[in-house]
Amino acid sequence: MGRFRQAFAQYEGELLALPSIRTNRLAKTHGQLLAFLDAIRAVVPLSDQQQAETARFIVQMATDRQLAVNSEDPIVSLFWERFDYLEENEDPKALTGHINHHRRWEEGLIAVRLNEMETRCAEKRLQLPSHTEMIRALKTSKARRFIEQAATVNSRNDIGSVRCWIFHDPSRAVAKKS
């Protein structure tokens, strides 16, 4: 058991040293797998090549998992793809009809009414996930960071106050200011 703990500490450190692994939990889990691989050689005959290939596979699993952790939920990605499409096809000088209701849109703030989003997508025959799926998934939005659900904002569409989901995307602020 002492050898396992020593190997685990070594492998965890090696995994954390990789630029592709940034999550401690992934380094611990896959470090344990690598330590178990070393320990299993005492019971199961494995060649050096088999052990090396299995170790590479475990490291690749950790890297793939890190990529999955970093990526957006497919529902969130589809939502933002549809949002961008609707926003690109509206008149930026118009006083009404903006899918983004936030008055500080130049700062990268986004205010979206989900029901309006669903209606506009339906009018354009664009599919969206169910309302329930979007509610669950949008709270995990990373690229456009989720801030608040059902917040009241004074719409830039001159329709008064509306309840919206609020997000922030700093890259939009930079794009709007340049």
Foldseek 3Di string as FASTA:
>chain_A
DVQLVVQLVVQLVVLCPDPLAPDSVLSNVLSSVLSVLVVCCVPDPDDPVRNVVVNVVSSVVSSVVSVVVPDADVLQVLLVVLLVVLQVPDDPPDQADHQFFAPVVLQQKGWHDVVVSVVVCVVVVHDHDDPVVCVVRVCVDDQFHWDDFQDWHQGSSNPGIGTTTMTGHRVSNVVSVD
